[in-house]
Amino acid sequence: MSPDVEWDDEYADWKYKVEGADTDYDALVVVIAFLSRANVLVVTVF
């Protein structure tokens, strides 16, 4: 698993992407972005 961090100009905050694999070695990606102090956007792509 390798975390990747990039700056999001639209929301002026950091966006985190974590990549790895499941037990069948299928690639998994999760993107986490903070929209505000109370809201977090989590996008999972299989």
Protein backbone atom coordinates (compact mmCIF):
# COMPACT_ATOMS: atom_id res chain seq x y z
CA MET A 1 0.00 0.00 0.00
CA SER A 2 1.40 3.40 -0.92
CA PRO A 3 -0.20 6.70 0.15
CA ASP A 4 -0.05 9.58 -2.32
CA VAL A 5 -0.82 13.17 -1.30
CA GLU A 6 -1.59 16.03 -3.69
CA TRP A 7 -2.84 19.60 -3.31
CA ASP A 8 -6.44 20.21 -4.47
CA ASP A 9 -6.69 23.78 -5.83
CA GLU A 10 -10.49 23.65 -6.03
CA TYR A 11 -10.91 23.06 -2.28
CA ALA A 12 -7.56 24.51 -1.17
CA ASP A 13 -6.76 21.39 0.82
CA TRP A 14 -4.92 18.11 0.54
CA LYS A 15 -6.28 15.05 -1.27
CA TYR A 16 -5.04 11.59 -0.28
CA LYS A 17 -4.91 8.56 -2.58
CA VAL A 18 -4.14 5.10 -1.22
CA GLU A 19 -3.45 2.22 -3.59
CA GLY A 20 -3.11 -1.44 -2.82
CA ALA A 21 -4.51 -4.86 -3.65
CA ASP A 22 -7.11 -7.18 -2.20
CA THR A 23 -6.55 -10.84 -1.31
CA ASP A 24 -7.02 -11.83 -4.98
CA TYR A 25 -4.38 -9.24 -6.01
CA ASP A 26 -6.99 -7.03 -7.70
CA ALA A 27 -5.97 -3.36 -7.59
CA LEU A 28 -7.84 -1.12 -5.13
CA VAL A 29 -7.74 2.69 -4.97
CA VAL A 30 -9.27 4.99 -2.35
CA VAL A 31 -9.31 8.79 -2.71
CA ILE A 32 -10.05 10.89 0.38
CA ALA A 33 -10.64 14.65 0.19
CA PHE A 34 -11.63 17.00 2.98
CA LEU A 35 -14.39 19.34 1.79
CA SER A 36 -14.68 21.18 5.10
CA ARG A 37 -14.09 20.52 8.78
CA ALA A 38 -17.33 18.53 8.92
CA ASN A 39 -17.37 16.88 5.46
CA VAL A 40 -15.09 14.24 4.00
CA LEU A 41 -15.43 12.85 0.47
CA VAL A 42 -14.29 9.26 0.05
CA VAL A 43 -14.18 7.84 -3.48
CA THR A 44 -13.41 4.14 -3.93
CA VAL A 45 -12.60 2.73 -7.34
CA PHE A 46 -12.37 -1.01 -7.97
